[in-house]
């Protein structure tokens, strides 16, 4: 049995607006949201980034965490993953974060910068 995905959770178009440091998503329900690339990188959903933020349930040695420069928030590539997510490859080579459309929908903001909900 196929799982039905909520149609408004499917982007019609995804664009990275580098000059504005934004990812713009046009959803099937005609709404538009914009997410900061800096915020997306800071909230990367991959296991290693979640562990660094202490969100993985795995105890992390704070001395082992990187104290180097902030990770890049410049997107080198965007790739659709199945019909449920997008992978962002950052210009420093980090590419293990897969951003589910449902997660992007939950964290969306309107074009005017206000929260959608």
Protein backbone atom coordinates (compact mmCIF):
# COMPACT_ATOMS: atom_id res chain seq x y z
CA UNK A 1 0.00 0.00 0.00
CA UNK A 2 1.46 3.35 -1.02
CA UNK A 3 1.68 6.09 1.55
CA UNK A 4 -0.09 9.27 0.49
CA UNK A 5 1.97 12.39 1.03
CA UNK A 6 0.11 15.57 1.89
CA UNK A 7 0.09 17.48 -1.43
CA UNK A 8 1.00 20.84 0.15
CA UNK A 9 4.23 19.23 1.42
CA UNK A 10 5.48 18.83 -2.13
CA UNK A 11 7.42 21.78 -3.47
CA UNK A 12 6.57 22.90 -6.95
CA UNK A 13 9.88 24.75 -7.21
CA UNK A 14 13.00 25.17 -5.05
CA UNK A 15 15.51 27.92 -5.72
CA UNK A 16 18.64 29.04 -3.91
CA UNK A 17 18.91 32.82 -3.94
CA UNK A 18 22.60 33.22 -3.17
CA UNK A 19 22.61 37.02 -3.14
CA UNK A 20 19.86 37.03 -0.51
CA UNK A 21 21.27 33.99 1.36
CA UNK A 22 17.89 32.25 1.06
CA UNK A 23 16.27 29.06 -0.16
CA UNK A 24 12.90 29.91 -1.68
CA UNK A 25 10.28 27.15 -1.85
CA UNK A 26 7.08 27.41 -3.88
CA UNK A 27 4.67 24.82 -2.47
CA UNK A 28 1.85 22.97 -4.26
CA UNK A 29 -0.74 24.92 -2.25
CA UNK A 30 0.60 28.15 -3.86
CA UNK A 31 2.27 29.34 -0.66
CA UNK A 32 5.88 30.51 -0.78
CA UNK A 33 8.43 30.23 2.00
CA UNK A 34 11.97 31.44 2.37
CA UNK A 35 14.55 29.94 4.70
CA UNK A 36 17.90 31.45 5.55
CA UNK A 37 20.82 29.39 4.25
CA UNK A 38 22.73 30.23 7.42
CA UNK A 39 19.84 28.89 9.51
CA UNK A 40 19.56 25.76 7.34
CA UNK A 41 23.28 25.03 7.77
CA UNK A 42 23.09 25.67 11.52
CA UNK A 43 20.18 23.22 11.72
CA UNK A 44 21.57 20.56 9.37
CA UNK A 45 19.66 17.33 10.08
CA UNK A 46 22.58 14.93 9.50
CA UNK A 47 23.70 12.70 12.37
CA UNK A 48 27.08 14.37 12.89
CA UNK A 49 25.65 17.90 13.00
CA UNK A 50 22.85 16.80 15.34
CA UNK A 51 25.44 15.20 17.63
CA UNK A 52 27.47 18.42 17.68
CA UNK A 53 24.33 20.29 18.74
CA UNK A 54 23.61 17.65 21.41
CA UNK A 55 20.37 16.55 19.72
CA UNK A 56 21.22 12.95 18.93
CA UNK A 57 20.76 11.36 22.33
CA UNK A 58 24.43 10.38 22.19
CA UNK A 59 26.67 11.93 24.80
CA UNK A 60 29.28 14.10 23.12
CA UNK A 61 32.59 15.18 24.65
CA UNK A 62 32.49 18.99 24.40
CA UNK A 63 36.27 19.06 24.06
CA UNK A 64 36.00 16.93 20.93
CA UNK A 65 33.70 19.41 19.20
CA UNK A 66 35.13 21.59 16.49
CA UNK A 67 36.11 25.02 17.70
CA UNK A 68 37.18 26.14 14.25
CA UNK A 69 35.47 28.58 11.94
CA UNK A 70 31.72 28.47 11.36
CA UNK A 71 30.67 26.01 8.65
CA UNK A 72 29.99 27.48 5.23
CA UNK A 73 26.45 28.64 4.48
CA UNK A 74 27.07 28.83 0.73
CA UNK A 75 25.23 26.19 -1.28
CA UNK A 76 27.15 24.50 -4.09
CA UNK A 77 24.37 22.14 -5.24
CA UNK A 78 20.76 21.14 -4.61
CA UNK A 79 19.55 17.59 -5.26
CA UNK A 80 16.09 16.07 -4.88
CA UNK A 81 16.06 12.90 -2.77
CA UNK A 82 13.23 10.60 -3.75
CA UNK A 83 9.95 12.42 -3.58
CA UNK A 84 10.34 13.48 0.02
CA UNK A 85 13.44 15.63 0.56
CA UNK A 86 16.24 17.79 -0.76
CA UNK A 87 19.98 17.43 -0.16
CA UNK A 88 22.04 20.58 0.05
CA UNK A 89 25.74 20.36 -0.74
CA UNK A 90 27.59 23.22 0.90
CA UNK A 91 30.68 24.69 -0.73
CA UNK A 92 32.90 23.20 2.00
CA UNK A 93 31.84 19.73 0.77
CA UNK A 94 29.35 18.89 3.54
CA UNK A 95 26.49 16.99 1.89
CA UNK A 96 25.04 14.53 4.39
CA UNK A 97 22.07 16.64 5.50
CA UNK A 98 18.81 15.55 3.91
CA UNK A 99 16.07 18.09 4.52
CA UNK A 100 12.65 16.39 4.41
CA UNK A 101 9.91 18.44 2.78
CA UNK A 102 7.78 17.93 5.91
CA UNK A 103 10.59 19.41 8.05
CA UNK A 104 10.99 22.37 5.68
CA UNK A 105 7.21 22.91 5.77
CA UNK A 106 7.20 22.88 9.58
CA UNK A 107 10.00 25.47 9.70
CA UNK A 108 8.80 27.68 6.88
CA UNK A 109 8.44 31.43 6.98
CA UNK A 110 6.46 33.67 4.73
CA UNK A 111 8.10 35.93 2.19
CA UNK A 112 7.75 38.79 4.69
CA UNK A 113 9.87 36.88 7.23
CA UNK A 114 7.08 36.02 9.67
CA UNK A 115 6.38 32.48 10.85
CA UNK A 116 3.82 30.71 8.71
CA UNK A 117 1.87 29.25 11.64
